[in-house]
PDB file of all heavy atoms in Angstrom:
ATOM      1  N   THR A   1     149.142  88.650  56.399  1.00  0.00           N
ATOM      2  CA  THR A   1     149.001  89.750  55.443  1.00  0.00           C
ATOM      3  C   THR A   1     149.391  91.082  56.069  1.00  0.00           C
ATOM      4  O   THR A   1     150.097  91.893  55.463  1.00  0.00           O
ATOM      5  CB  THR A   1     147.552  89.829  54.928  1.00  0.00           C
ATOM      6  OG1 THR A   1     147.228  88.603  54.266  1.00  0.00           O
ATOM      7  CG2 THR A   1     147.383  90.986  53.950  1.00  0.00           C
ATOM      8  N   TRP A   2     148.919  91.311  57.295  1.00  0.00           N
ATOM      9  CA  TRP A   2     149.265  92.562  57.992  1.00  0.00           C
ATOM     10  C   TRP A   2     150.771  92.668  58.161  1.00  0.00           C
ATOM     11  O   TRP A   2     151.349  93.735  57.926  1.00  0.00           O
ATOM     12  CB  TRP A   2     148.583  92.600  59.363  1.00  0.00           C
ATOM     13  CG  TRP A   2     149.110  93.698  60.238  1.00  0.00           C
ATOM     14  CD1 TRP A   2     148.774  95.015  60.190  1.00  0.00           C
ATOM     15  CD2 TRP A   2     150.099  93.571  61.267  1.00  0.00           C
ATOM     16  NE1 TRP A   2     149.495  95.725  61.134  1.00  0.00           N
ATOM     17  CE2 TRP A   2     150.307  94.861  61.806  1.00  0.00           C
ATOM     18  CE3 TRP A   2     150.820  92.485  61.786  1.00  0.00           C
ATOM     19  CZ2 TRP A   2     151.212  95.093  62.841  1.00  0.00           C
ATOM     20  CZ3 TRP A   2     151.714  92.722  62.819  1.00  0.00           C
ATOM     21  CH2 TRP A   2     151.904  94.012  63.329  1.00  0.00           C
ATOM     22  N   ARG A   3     151.409  91.556  58.537  1.00  0.00           N
ATOM     23  CA  ARG A   3     152.852  91.589  58.770  1.00  0.00           C
ATOM     24  C   ARG A   3     153.617  91.883  57.474  1.00  0.00           C
ATOM     25  O   ARG A   3     154.542  92.705  57.448  1.00  0.00           O
ATOM     26  CB  ARG A   3     153.321  90.244  59.360  1.00  0.00           C
ATOM     27  CG  ARG A   3     154.803  90.203  59.678  1.00  0.00           C
ATOM     28  CD  ARG A   3     155.135  91.189  60.779  1.00  0.00           C
ATOM     29  NE  ARG A   3     156.571  91.350  60.937  1.00  0.00           N
ATOM     30  CZ  ARG A   3     157.318  92.235  60.295  1.00  0.00           C
ATOM     31  NH1 ARG A   3     156.766  93.081  59.436  1.00  0.00           N
ATOM     32  NH2 ARG A   3     158.611  92.320  60.509  1.00  0.00           N
ATOM     33  N   ILE A   4     153.220  91.226  56.383  1.00  0.00           N
ATOM     34  CA  ILE A   4     153.899  91.449  55.107  1.00  0.00           C
ATOM     35  C   ILE A   4     153.642  92.867  54.603  1.00  0.00           C
ATOM     36  O   ILE A   4     154.533  93.524  54.066  1.00  0.00           O
ATOM     37  CB  ILE A   4     153.445  90.409  54.057  1.00  0.00           C
ATOM     38  CG1 ILE A   4     153.879  89.003  54.484  1.00  0.00           C
ATOM     39  CG2 ILE A   4     154.020  90.733  52.673  1.00  0.00           C
ATOM     40  CD1 ILE A   4     153.392  87.913  53.555  1.00  0.00           C
ATOM     41  N   SER A   5     152.398  93.341  54.788  1.00  0.00           N
ATOM     42  CA  SER A   5     152.040  94.675  54.280  1.00  0.00           C
ATOM     43  C   SER A   5     152.825  95.782  54.971  1.00  0.00           C
ATOM     44  O   SER A   5     152.981  96.875  54.411  1.00  0.00           O
ATOM     45  CB  SER A   5     150.537  94.922  54.440  1.00  0.00           C
ATOM     46  OG  SER A   5     150.188  95.042  55.806  1.00  0.00           O
ATOM     47  N   GLN A   6     153.327  95.498  56.177  1.00  0.00           N
ATOM     48  CA  GLN A   6     154.138  96.495  56.876  1.00  0.00           C
ATOM     49  C   GLN A   6     155.398  96.840  56.089  1.00  0.00           C
ATOM     50  O   GLN A   6     155.963  97.929  56.242  1.00  0.00           O
ATOM     51  CB  GLN A   6     154.540  95.975  58.268  1.00  0.00           C
ATOM     52  CG  GLN A   6     153.383  95.744  59.221  1.00  0.00           C
ATOM     53  CD  GLN A   6     152.642  97.026  59.547  1.00  0.00           C
ATOM     54  OE1 GLN A   6     151.650  97.339  58.906  1.00  0.00           O
ATOM     55  NE2 GLN A   6     153.110  97.762  60.532  1.00  0.00           N
ATOM     56  N   GLU A   7     155.844  95.896  55.265  1.00  0.00           N
ATOM     57  CA  GLU A   7     157.057  96.114  54.478  1.00  0.00           C
ATOM     58  C   GLU A   7     156.798  97.002  53.261  1.00  0.00           C
ATOM     59  O   GLU A   7     157.728  97.405  52.571  1.00  0.00           O
ATOM     60  CB  GLU A   7     157.629  94.773  54.001  1.00  0.00           C
ATOM     61  CG  GLU A   7     157.867  93.762  55.112  1.00  0.00           C
ATOM     62  CD  GLU A   7     158.855  94.265  56.152  1.00  0.00           C
ATOM     63  OE1 GLU A   7     159.805  94.975  55.740  1.00  0.00           O
ATOM     64  OE2 GLU A   7     158.683  93.967  57.345  1.00  0.00           O
ATOM     65  N   PHE A   8     155.518  97.303  52.978  1.00  0.00           N
ATOM     66  CA  PHE A   8     155.184  98.061  51.771  1.00  0.00           C
ATOM     67  C   PHE A   8     154.556  99.416  52.094  1.00  0.00           C
ATOM     68  O   PHE A   8     153.773  99.961  51.322  1.00  0.00           O
ATOM     69  CB  PHE A   8     154.225  97.260  50.882  1.00  0.00           C
ATOM     70  CG  PHE A   8     154.822  95.989  50.354  1.00  0.00           C
ATOM     71  CD1 PHE A   8     154.562  94.781  50.977  1.00  0.00           C
ATOM     72  CD2 PHE A   8     155.650  96.002  49.248  1.00  0.00           C
ATOM     73  CE1 PHE A   8     155.110  93.606  50.503  1.00  0.00           C
ATOM     74  CE2 PHE A   8     156.198  94.828  48.766  1.00  0.00           C
ATOM     75  CZ  PHE A   8     155.932  93.624  49.389  1.00  0.00           C
ATOM     76  N   ASP A   9     154.899  99.958  53.240  1.00  0.00           N
ATOM     77  CA  ASP A   9     154.342 101.247  53.653  1.00  0.00           C
ATOM     78  C   ASP A   9     154.597 102.346  52.631  1.00  0.00           C
ATOM     79  O   ASP A   9     153.729 103.188  52.354  1.00  0.00           O
ATOM     80  CB  ASP A   9     154.930 101.681  55.006  1.00  0.00           C
ATOM     81  CG  ASP A   9     154.216 101.001  56.164  1.00  0.00           C
ATOM     82  OD1 ASP A   9     153.132 100.454  55.915  1.00  0.00           O
ATOM     83  OD2 ASP A   9     154.751 101.007  57.272  1.00  0.00           O
ATOM     84  N   PHE A  10     155.794 102.343  52.067  1.00  0.00           N
ATOM     85  CA  PHE A  10     156.132 103.404  51.115  1.00  0.00           C
ATOM     86  C   PHE A  10     155.266 103.336  49.871  1.00  0.00           C
ATOM     87  O   PHE A  10     154.944 104.352  49.258  1.00  0.00           O
ATOM     88  CB  PHE A  10     157.621 103.306  50.729  1.00  0.00           C
ATOM     89  CG  PHE A  10     157.948 102.126  49.866  1.00  0.00           C
ATOM     90  CD1 PHE A  10     158.110 102.287  48.502  1.00  0.00           C
ATOM     91  CD2 PHE A  10     158.109 100.864  50.423  1.00  0.00           C
ATOM     92  CE1 PHE A  10     158.424 101.198  47.702  1.00  0.00           C
ATOM     93  CE2 PHE A  10     158.433  99.783  49.627  1.00  0.00           C
ATOM     94  CZ  PHE A  10     158.586  99.946  48.256  1.00  0.00           C
ATOM     95  N   LEU A  11     154.834 102.115  49.497  1.00  0.00           N
ATOM     96  CA  LEU A  11     153.947 101.981  48.338  1.00  0.00           C
ATOM     97  C   LEU A  11     152.546 102.457  48.670  1.00  0.00           C
ATOM     98  O   LEU A  11     151.871 103.074  47.845  1.00  0.00           O
ATOM     99  CB  LEU A  11     153.905 100.511  47.874  1.00  0.00           C
ATOM    100  CG  LEU A  11     155.158  99.995  47.161  1.00  0.00           C
ATOM    101  CD1 LEU A  11     155.003  98.511  46.851  1.00  0.00           C
ATOM    102  CD2 LEU A  11     155.406 100.771  45.873  1.00  0.00           C
ATOM    103  N   PHE A  12     152.090 102.187  49.895  1.00  0.00           N
ATOM    104  CA  PHE A  12     150.745 102.582  50.267  1.00  0.00           C
ATOM    105  C   PHE A  12     150.612 104.097  50.433  1.00  0.00           C
ATOM    106  O   PHE A  12     149.509 104.629  50.425  1.00  0.00           O
ATOM    107  CB  PHE A  12     150.312 101.865  51.539  1.00  0.00           C
ATOM    108  CG  PHE A  12     149.951 100.431  51.306  1.00  0.00           C
ATOM    109  CD1 PHE A  12     150.641  99.415  51.946  1.00  0.00           C
ATOM    110  CD2 PHE A  12     148.941 100.087  50.425  1.00  0.00           C
ATOM    111  CE1 PHE A  12     150.317  98.087  51.725  1.00  0.00           C
ATOM    112  CE2 PHE A  12     148.611  98.766  50.194  1.00  0.00           C
ATOM    113  CZ  PHE A  12     149.306  97.771  50.850  1.00  0.00           C
ATOM    114  N   ASN A  13     151.736 104.787  50.584  1.00  0.00           N
ATOM    115  CA  ASN A  13     151.686 106.251  50.582  1.00  0.00           C
ATOM    116  C   ASN A  13     151.206 106.766  49.232  1.00  0.00           C
ATOM    117  O   ASN A  13     150.508 107.777  49.144  1.00  0.00           O
ATOM    118  CB  ASN A  13     153.067 106.838  50.908  1.00  0.00           C
ATOM    119  CG  ASN A  13     153.404 106.671  52.381  1.00  0.00           C
ATOM    120  OD1 ASN A  13     152.507 106.655  53.216  1.00  0.00           O
ATOM    121  ND2 ASN A  13     154.679 106.527  52.685  1.00  0.00           N
ATOM    122  N   LEU A  14     151.567 106.041  48.164  1.00  0.00           N
ATOM    123  CA  LEU A  14     151.090 106.397  46.820  1.00  0.00           C
ATOM    124  C   LEU A  14     149.584 106.182  46.728  1.00  0.00           C
ATOM    125  O   LEU A  14     148.875 106.916  46.047  1.00  0.00           O
ATOM    126  CB  LEU A  14     151.796 105.549  45.756  1.00  0.00           C
ATOM    127  CG  LEU A  14     153.286 105.826  45.547  1.00  0.00           C
ATOM    128  CD1 LEU A  14     153.861 104.826  44.544  1.00  0.00           C
ATOM    129  CD2 LEU A  14     153.498 107.247  45.042  1.00  0.00           C
ATOM    130  N   PHE A  15     149.124 105.153  47.432  1.00  0.00           N
ATOM    131  CA  PHE A  15     147.688 104.844  47.434  1.00  0.00           C
ATOM    132  C   PHE A  15     146.880 106.021  47.963  1.00  0.00           C
ATOM    133  O   PHE A  15     145.772 106.301  47.499  1.00  0.00           O
ATOM    134  CB  PHE A  15     147.461 103.595  48.291  1.00  0.00           C
ATOM    135  CG  PHE A  15     146.019 103.249  48.504  1.00  0.00           C
ATOM    136  CD1 PHE A  15     145.302 102.612  47.507  1.00  0.00           C
ATOM    137  CD2 PHE A  15     145.382 103.542  49.694  1.00  0.00           C
ATOM    138  CE1 PHE A  15     143.978 102.291  47.694  1.00  0.00           C
ATOM    139  CE2 PHE A  15     144.066 103.219  49.894  1.00  0.00           C
ATOM    140  CZ  PHE A  15     143.365 102.583  48.889  1.00  0.00           C
ATOM    141  N   LYS A  16     147.433 106.732  48.923  1.00  0.00           N
ATOM    142  CA  LYS A  16     146.724 107.855  49.536  1.00  0.00           C
ATOM    143  C   LYS A  16     146.768 109.107  48.659  1.00  0.00           C
ATOM    144  O   LYS A  16     145.926 109.977  48.774  1.00  0.00           O
ATOM    145  CB  LYS A  16     147.340 108.167  50.899  1.00  0.00           C
ATOM    146  CG  LYS A  16     147.208 107.028  51.910  1.00  0.00           C
ATOM    147  CD  LYS A  16     147.952 107.360  53.184  1.00  0.00           C
ATOM    148  CE  LYS A  16     147.899 106.201  54.173  1.00  0.00           C
ATOM    149  NZ  LYS A  16     148.679 106.482  55.393  1.00  0.00           N
ATOM    150  N   ARG A  17     147.759 109.196  47.770  1.00  0.00           N
ATOM    151  CA  ARG A  17     147.965 110.432  47.018  1.00  0.00           C
ATOM    152  C   ARG A  17     147.206 110.483  45.693  1.00  0.00           C
ATOM    153  O   ARG A  17     146.765 111.530  45.275  1.00  0.00           O
ATOM    154  CB  ARG A  17     149.465 110.606  46.719  1.00  0.00           C
ATOM    155  CG  ARG A  17     150.301 110.838  47.971  1.00  0.00           C
ATOM    156  CD  ARG A  17     151.761 110.922  47.600  1.00  0.00           C
ATOM    157  NE  ARG A  17     152.614 110.887  48.773  1.00  0.00           N
ATOM    158  CZ  ARG A  17     153.936 110.762  48.744  1.00  0.00           C
ATOM    159  NH1 ARG A  17     154.545 110.647  47.576  1.00  0.00           N
ATOM    160  NH2 ARG A  17     154.639 110.746  49.849  1.00  0.00           N
ATOM    161  N   SER A  18     147.087 109.365  45.025  1.00  0.00           N
ATOM    162  CA  SER A  18     146.513 109.381  43.685  1.00  0.00           C
ATOM    163  C   SER A  18     145.553 108.227  43.498  1.00  0.00           C
ATOM    164  O   SER A  18     145.883 107.082  43.786  1.00  0.00           O
ATOM    165  CB  SER A  18     147.637 109.292  42.640  1.00  0.00           C
ATOM    166  OG  SER A  18     147.111 109.022  41.372  1.00  0.00           O
ATOM    167  N   ASP A  19     144.350 108.538  42.995  1.00  0.00           N
ATOM    168  CA  ASP A  19     143.355 107.492  42.783  1.00  0.00           C
ATOM    169  C   ASP A  19     143.834 106.438  41.797  1.00  0.00           C
ATOM    170  O   ASP A  19     143.772 105.246  42.060  1.00  0.00           O
ATOM    171  CB  ASP A  19     142.037 108.101  42.281  1.00  0.00           C
ATOM    172  CG  ASP A  19     141.326 108.866  43.390  1.00  0.00           C
ATOM    173  OD1 ASP A  19     141.630 108.600  44.557  1.00  0.00           O
ATOM    174  OD2 ASP A  19     140.497 109.723  43.065  1.00  0.00           O
ATOM    175  N   VAL A  20     144.297 106.885  40.636  1.00  0.00           N
ATOM    176  CA  VAL A  20     144.685 105.955  39.576  1.00  0.00           C
ATOM    177  C   VAL A  20     145.919 105.156  39.982  1.00  0.00           C
ATOM    178  O   VAL A  20     145.923 103.924  39.980  1.00  0.00           O
ATOM    179  CB  VAL A  20     144.960 106.708  38.248  1.00  0.00           C
ATOM    180  CG1 VAL A  20     145.440 105.728  37.185  1.00  0.00           C
ATOM    181  CG2 VAL A  20     143.708 107.434  37.778  1.00  0.00           C
ATOM    182  N   ILE A  21     146.983 105.871  40.338  1.00  0.00           N
ATOM    183  CA  ILE A  21     148.213 105.187  40.733  1.00  0.00           C
ATOM    184  C   ILE A  21     147.962 104.378  41.999  1.00  0.00           C
ATOM    185  O   ILE A  21     148.461 103.252  42.144  1.00  0.00           O
ATOM    186  CB  ILE A  21     149.350 106.208  40.978  1.00  0.00           C
ATOM    187  CG1 ILE A  21     149.686 106.930  39.669  1.00  0.00           C
ATOM    188  CG2 ILE A  21     150.583 105.511  41.518  1.00  0.00           C
ATOM    189  CD1 ILE A  21     150.739 108.007  39.833  1.00  0.00           C
ATOM    190  N   GLY A  22     147.166 104.929  42.885  1.00  0.00           N
ATOM    191  CA  GLY A  22     146.884 104.258  44.147  1.00  0.00           C
ATOM    192  C   GLY A  22     146.256 102.890  43.962  1.00  0.00           C
ATOM    193  O   GLY A  22     146.705 101.912  44.551  1.00  0.00           O
ATOM    194  N   TRP A  23     145.213 102.834  43.151  1.00  0.00           N
ATOM    195  CA  TRP A  23     144.547 101.544  42.931  1.00  0.00           C
ATOM    196  C   TRP A  23     145.468 100.556  42.221  1.00  0.00           C
ATOM    197  O   TRP A  23     145.439  99.353  42.510  1.00  0.00           O
ATOM    198  CB  TRP A  23     143.256 101.733  42.130  1.00  0.00           C
ATOM    199  CG  TRP A  23     142.129 102.284  42.948  1.00  0.00           C
ATOM    200  CD1 TRP A  23     141.491 103.466  42.777  1.00  0.00           C
ATOM    201  CD2 TRP A  23     141.531 101.680  44.100  1.00  0.00           C
ATOM    202  NE1 TRP A  23     140.531 103.644  43.745  1.00  0.00           N
ATOM    203  CE2 TRP A  23     140.536 102.562  44.571  1.00  0.00           C
ATOM    204  CE3 TRP A  23     141.747 100.488  44.788  1.00  0.00           C
ATOM    205  CZ2 TRP A  23     139.754 102.281  45.677  1.00  0.00           C
ATOM    206  CZ3 TRP A  23     140.971 100.217  45.896  1.00  0.00           C
ATOM    207  CH2 TRP A  23     139.993 101.099  46.325  1.00  0.00           C
ATOM    208  N   MET A  24     146.287 101.048  41.307  1.00  0.00           N
ATOM    209  CA  MET A  24     147.239 100.172  40.616  1.00  0.00           C
ATOM    210  C   MET A  24     148.237  99.582  41.622  1.00  0.00           C
ATOM    211  O   MET A  24     148.524  98.384  41.592  1.00  0.00           O
ATOM    212  CB  MET A  24     147.984 100.950  39.520  1.00  0.00           C
ATOM    213  CG  MET A  24     147.116 101.322  38.332  1.00  0.00           C
ATOM    214  SD  MET A  24     147.991 102.381  37.151  1.00  0.00           S
ATOM    215  CE  MET A  24     149.324 101.295  36.649  1.00  0.00           C
ATOM    216  N   VAL A  25     148.753 100.429  42.490  1.00  0.00           N
ATOM    217  CA  VAL A  25     149.697  99.977  43.516  1.00  0.00           C
ATOM    218  C   VAL A  25     149.016  98.988  44.461  1.00  0.00           C
ATOM    219  O   VAL A  25     149.572  97.944  44.811  1.00  0.00           O
ATOM    220  CB  VAL A  25     150.265 101.175  44.309  1.00  0.00           C
ATOM    221  CG1 VAL A  25     151.029 100.692  45.537  1.00  0.00           C
ATOM    222  CG2 VAL A  25     151.168 102.014  43.426  1.00  0.00           C
ATOM    223  N   PHE A  26     147.793  99.326  44.847  1.00  0.00           N
ATOM    224  CA  PHE A  26     147.059  98.491  45.795  1.00  0.00           C
ATOM    225  C   PHE A  26     146.857  97.082  45.233  1.00  0.00           C
ATOM    226  O   PHE A  26     147.161  96.084  45.896  1.00  0.00           O
ATOM    227  CB  PHE A  26     145.713  99.129  46.103  1.00  0.00           C
ATOM    228  CG  PHE A  26     145.007  98.502  47.277  1.00  0.00           C
ATOM    229  CD1 PHE A  26     145.262  98.955  48.554  1.00  0.00           C
ATOM    230  CD2 PHE A  26     144.129  97.465  47.094  1.00  0.00           C
ATOM    231  CE1 PHE A  26     144.635  98.374  49.648  1.00  0.00           C
ATOM    232  CE2 PHE A  26     143.499  96.878  48.169  1.00  0.00           C
ATOM    233  CZ  PHE A  26     143.745  97.335  49.447  1.00  0.00           C
ATOM    234  N   VAL A  27     146.362  97.002  44.006  1.00  0.00           N
ATOM    235  CA  VAL A  27     146.115  95.698  43.380  1.00  0.00           C
ATOM    236  C   VAL A  27     147.428  94.934  43.204  1.00  0.00           C
ATOM    237  O   VAL A  27     147.501  93.725  43.444  1.00  0.00           O
ATOM    238  CB  VAL A  27     145.402  95.874  42.016  1.00  0.00           C
ATOM    239  CG1 VAL A  27     145.333  94.545  41.283  1.00  0.00           C
ATOM    240  CG2 VAL A  27     144.007  96.435  42.222  1.00  0.00           C
ATOM    241  N   PHE A  28     148.506  95.656  42.822  1.00  0.00           N
ATOM    242  CA  PHE A  28     149.808  95.009  42.639  1.00  0.00           C
ATOM    243  C   PHE A  28     150.294  94.377  43.945  1.00  0.00           C
ATOM    244  O   PHE A  28     150.743  93.225  43.970  1.00  0.00           O
ATOM    245  CB  PHE A  28     150.836  96.037  42.134  1.00  0.00           C
ATOM    246  CG  PHE A  28     152.256  95.543  42.195  1.00  0.00           C
ATOM    247  CD1 PHE A  28     152.729  94.634  41.261  1.00  0.00           C
ATOM    248  CD2 PHE A  28     153.110  95.973  43.210  1.00  0.00           C
ATOM    249  CE1 PHE A  28     154.030  94.165  41.319  1.00  0.00           C
ATOM    250  CE2 PHE A  28     154.412  95.504  43.280  1.00  0.00           C
ATOM    251  CZ  PHE A  28     154.880  94.603  42.336  1.00  0.00           C
ATOM    252  N   VAL A  29     150.198  95.115  45.040  1.00  0.00           N
ATOM    253  CA  VAL A  29     150.677  94.608  46.327  1.00  0.00           C
ATOM    254  C   VAL A  29     149.823  93.436  46.801  1.00  0.00           C
ATOM    255  O   VAL A  29     150.342  92.452  47.338  1.00  0.00           O
ATOM    256  CB  VAL A  29     150.698  95.729  47.389  1.00  0.00           C
ATOM    257  CG1 VAL A  29     151.062  95.174  48.756  1.00  0.00           C
ATOM    258  CG2 VAL A  29     151.700  96.804  46.989  1.00  0.00           C
ATOM    259  N   ILE A  30     148.519  93.518  46.587  1.00  0.00           N
ATOM    260  CA  ILE A  30     147.621  92.427  46.977  1.00  0.00           C
ATOM    261  C   ILE A  30     148.006  91.153  46.241  1.00  0.00           C
ATOM    262  O   ILE A  30     148.121  90.074  46.838  1.00  0.00           O
ATOM    263  CB  ILE A  30     146.147  92.779  46.659  1.00  0.00           C
ATOM    264  CG1 ILE A  30     145.682  93.977  47.492  1.00  0.00           C
ATOM    265  CG2 ILE A  30     145.243  91.583  46.942  1.00  0.00           C
ATOM    266  CD1 ILE A  30     145.907  93.835  48.960  1.00  0.00           C
ATOM    267  N   LEU A  31     148.200  91.264  44.932  1.00  0.00           N
ATOM    268  CA  LEU A  31     148.584  90.092  44.133  1.00  0.00           C
ATOM    269  C   LEU A  31     149.944  89.565  44.565  1.00  0.00           C
ATOM    270  O   LEU A  31     150.164  88.355  44.627  1.00  0.00           O
ATOM    271  CB  LEU A  31     148.601  90.453  42.648  1.00  0.00           C
ATOM    272  CG  LEU A  31     147.235  90.736  42.018  1.00  0.00           C
ATOM    273  CD1 LEU A  31     147.407  91.246  40.594  1.00  0.00           C
ATOM    274  CD2 LEU A  31     146.367  89.476  42.022  1.00  0.00           C
ATOM    275  N   LEU A  32     150.861  90.468  44.884  1.00  0.00           N
ATOM    276  CA  LEU A  32     152.197  90.065  45.315  1.00  0.00           C
ATOM    277  C   LEU A  32     152.125  89.270  46.616  1.00  0.00           C
ATOM    278  O   LEU A  32     152.742  88.198  46.751  1.00  0.00           O
ATOM    279  CB  LEU A  32     153.086  91.302  45.501  1.00  0.00           C
ATOM    280  CG  LEU A  32     154.528  91.046  45.966  1.00  0.00           C
ATOM    281  CD1 LEU A  32     155.264  90.180  44.958  1.00  0.00           C
ATOM    282  CD2 LEU A  32     155.257  92.371  46.168  1.00  0.00           C
ATOM    283  N   ILE A  33     151.368  89.776  47.588  1.00  0.00           N
ATOM    284  CA  ILE A  33     151.215  89.077  48.865  1.00  0.00           C
ATOM    285  C   ILE A  33     150.552  87.714  48.647  1.00  0.00           C
ATOM    286  O   ILE A  33     150.958  86.697  49.218  1.00  0.00           O
ATOM    287  CB  ILE A  33     150.386  89.907  49.857  1.00  0.00           C
ATOM    288  CG1 ILE A  33     151.149  91.179  50.248  1.00  0.00           C
ATOM    289  CG2 ILE A  33     150.047  89.102  51.110  1.00  0.00           C
ATOM    290  CD1 ILE A  33     150.346  92.138  51.101  1.00  0.00           C
ATOM    291  N   TYR A  34     149.552  87.689  47.780  1.00  0.00           N
ATOM    292  CA  TYR A  34     148.823  86.444  47.491  1.00  0.00           C
ATOM    293  C   TYR A  34     149.757  85.373  46.946  1.00  0.00           C
ATOM    294  O   TYR A  34     149.764  84.230  47.410  1.00  0.00           O
ATOM    295  CB  TYR A  34     147.712  86.743  46.489  1.00  0.00           C
ATOM    296  CG  TYR A  34     146.919  85.534  46.047  1.00  0.00           C
ATOM    297  CD1 TYR A  34     146.123  84.824  46.948  1.00  0.00           C
ATOM    298  CD2 TYR A  34     146.960  85.109  44.721  1.00  0.00           C
ATOM    299  CE1 TYR A  34     145.386  83.725  46.531  1.00  0.00           C
ATOM    300  CE2 TYR A  34     146.233  84.012  44.306  1.00  0.00           C
ATOM    301  CZ  TYR A  34     145.445  83.329  45.218  1.00  0.00           C
ATOM    302  OH  TYR A  34     144.719  82.241  44.804  1.00  0.00           O
ATOM    303  N   PHE A  35     150.591  85.740  45.980  1.00  0.00           N
ATOM    304  CA  PHE A  35     151.501  84.765  45.378  1.00  0.00           C
ATOM    305  C   PHE A  35     152.644  84.385  46.314  1.00  0.00           C
ATOM    306  O   PHE A  35     153.125  83.253  46.280  1.00  0.00           O
ATOM    307  CB  PHE A  35     152.037  85.291  44.046  1.00  0.00           C
ATOM    308  CG  PHE A  35     151.015  85.283  42.949  1.00  0.00           C
ATOM    309  CD1 PHE A  35     150.586  86.464  42.362  1.00  0.00           C
ATOM    310  CD2 PHE A  35     150.459  84.090  42.518  1.00  0.00           C
ATOM    311  CE1 PHE A  35     149.630  86.454  41.360  1.00  0.00           C
ATOM    312  CE2 PHE A  35     149.497  84.072  41.521  1.00  0.00           C
ATOM    313  CZ  PHE A  35     149.077  85.259  40.931  1.00  0.00           C
ATOM    314  N   LEU A  36     153.068  85.312  47.171  1.00  0.00           N
ATOM    315  CA  LEU A  36     154.076  84.977  48.173  1.00  0.00           C
ATOM    316  C   LEU A  36     153.542  83.928  49.146  1.00  0.00           C
ATOM    317  O   LEU A  36     154.244  82.977  49.505  1.00  0.00           O
ATOM    318  CB  LEU A  36     154.484  86.237  48.948  1.00  0.00           C
ATOM    319  CG  LEU A  36     155.441  87.201  48.247  1.00  0.00           C
ATOM    320  CD1 LEU A  36     155.618  88.469  49.084  1.00  0.00           C
ATOM    321  CD2 LEU A  36     156.792  86.542  48.000  1.00  0.00           C
ATOM    322  N   LEU A  37     152.280  84.085  49.551  1.00  0.00           N
ATOM    323  CA  LEU A  37     151.670  83.119  50.459  1.00  0.00           C
ATOM    324  C   LEU A  37     151.468  81.772  49.778  1.00  0.00           C
ATOM    325  O   LEU A  37     151.641  80.723  50.397  1.00  0.00           O
ATOM    326  CB  LEU A  37     150.330  83.654  50.980  1.00  0.00           C
ATOM    327  CG  LEU A  37     150.415  84.843  51.937  1.00  0.00           C
ATOM    328  CD1 LEU A  37     149.030  85.337  52.292  1.00  0.00           C
ATOM    329  CD2 LEU A  37     151.178  84.461  53.193  1.00  0.00           C
ATOM    330  N   ARG A  38     151.122  81.790  48.508  1.00  0.00           N
ATOM    331  CA  ARG A  38     150.943  80.538  47.768  1.00  0.00           C
ATOM    332  C   ARG A  38     152.261  79.790  47.637  1.00  0.00           C
ATOM    333  O   ARG A  38     152.322  78.577  47.790  1.00  0.00           O
ATOM    334  CB  ARG A  38     150.371  80.808  46.374  1.00  0.00           C
ATOM    335  CG  ARG A  38     148.896  81.169  46.380  1.00  0.00           C
ATOM    336  CD  ARG A  38     148.314  81.115  44.995  1.00  0.00           C
ATOM    337  NE  ARG A  38     148.370  79.777  44.440  1.00  0.00           N
ATOM    338  CZ  ARG A  38     147.934  79.453  43.226  1.00  0.00           C
ATOM    339  NH1 ARG A  38     147.442  80.383  42.422  1.00  0.00           N
ATOM    340  NH2 ARG A  38     148.003  78.221  42.789  1.00  0.00           N
ATOM    341  N   ARG A  39     153.337  80.525  47.368  1.00  0.00           N
ATOM    342  CA  ARG A  39     154.659  79.904  47.263  1.00  0.00           C
ATOM    343  C   ARG A  39     155.089  79.306  48.599  1.00  0.00           C
ATOM    344  O   ARG A  39     155.645  78.221  48.654  1.00  0.00           O
ATOM    345  CB  ARG A  39     155.703  80.917  46.803  1.00  0.00           C
ATOM    346  CG  ARG A  39     155.635  81.252  45.324  1.00  0.00           C
ATOM    347  CD  ARG A  39     156.769  82.143  44.907  1.00  0.00           C
ATOM    348  NE  ARG A  39     158.056  81.483  45.124  1.00  0.00           N
ATOM    349  CZ  ARG A  39     159.227  82.079  44.957  1.00  0.00           C
ATOM    350  NH1 ARG A  39     159.263  83.367  44.591  1.00  0.00           N
ATOM    351  NH2 ARG A  39     160.347  81.423  45.155  1.00  0.00           N
ATOM    352  N   ARG A  40     154.773  80.023  49.684  1.00  0.00           N
ATOM    353  CA  ARG A  40     155.134  79.528  51.017  1.00  0.00           C
ATOM    354  C   ARG A  40     154.371  78.264  51.325  1.00  0.00           C
ATOM    355  O   ARG A  40     154.902  77.317  51.902  1.00  0.00           O
ATOM    356  CB  ARG A  40     154.833  80.609  52.060  1.00  0.00           C
ATOM    357  CG  ARG A  40     155.228  80.205  53.468  1.00  0.00           C
ATOM    358  CD  ARG A  40     155.014  81.337  54.442  1.00  0.00           C
ATOM    359  NE  ARG A  40     155.898  82.464  54.176  1.00  0.00           N
ATOM    360  CZ  ARG A  40     155.946  83.553  54.919  1.00  0.00           C
ATOM    361  NH1 ARG A  40     155.162  83.657  55.986  1.00  0.00           N
ATOM    362  NH2 ARG A  40     156.757  84.523  54.614  1.00  0.00           N
ATOM    363  N   LYS A  41     153.074  78.221  50.930  1.00  0.00           N
ATOM    364  CA  LYS A  41     152.253  77.033  51.183  1.00  0.00           C
ATOM    365  C   LYS A  41     152.793  75.835  50.407  1.00  0.00           C
ATOM    366  O   LYS A  41     152.874  74.732  50.924  1.00  0.00           O
ATOM    367  CB  LYS A  41     150.807  77.311  50.762  1.00  0.00           C
ATOM    368  CG  LYS A  41     149.857  76.158  51.117  1.00  0.00           C
ATOM    369  CD  LYS A  41     148.536  76.276  50.410  1.00  0.00           C
ATOM    370  CE  LYS A  41     147.776  77.498  50.826  1.00  0.00           C
ATOM    371  NZ  LYS A  41     146.446  77.559  50.197  1.00  0.00           N
TER     372      LYS A  41
END
């Protein structure tokens, strides 16, 4: 997860700037990483 999340640094910058947009971005990236790992499995 840490390794994959390194590729989304630019998205996490939004997380720091805005509560609403930040949480939306955060949840989106979490779900994306989750499904990427499931596909790999």
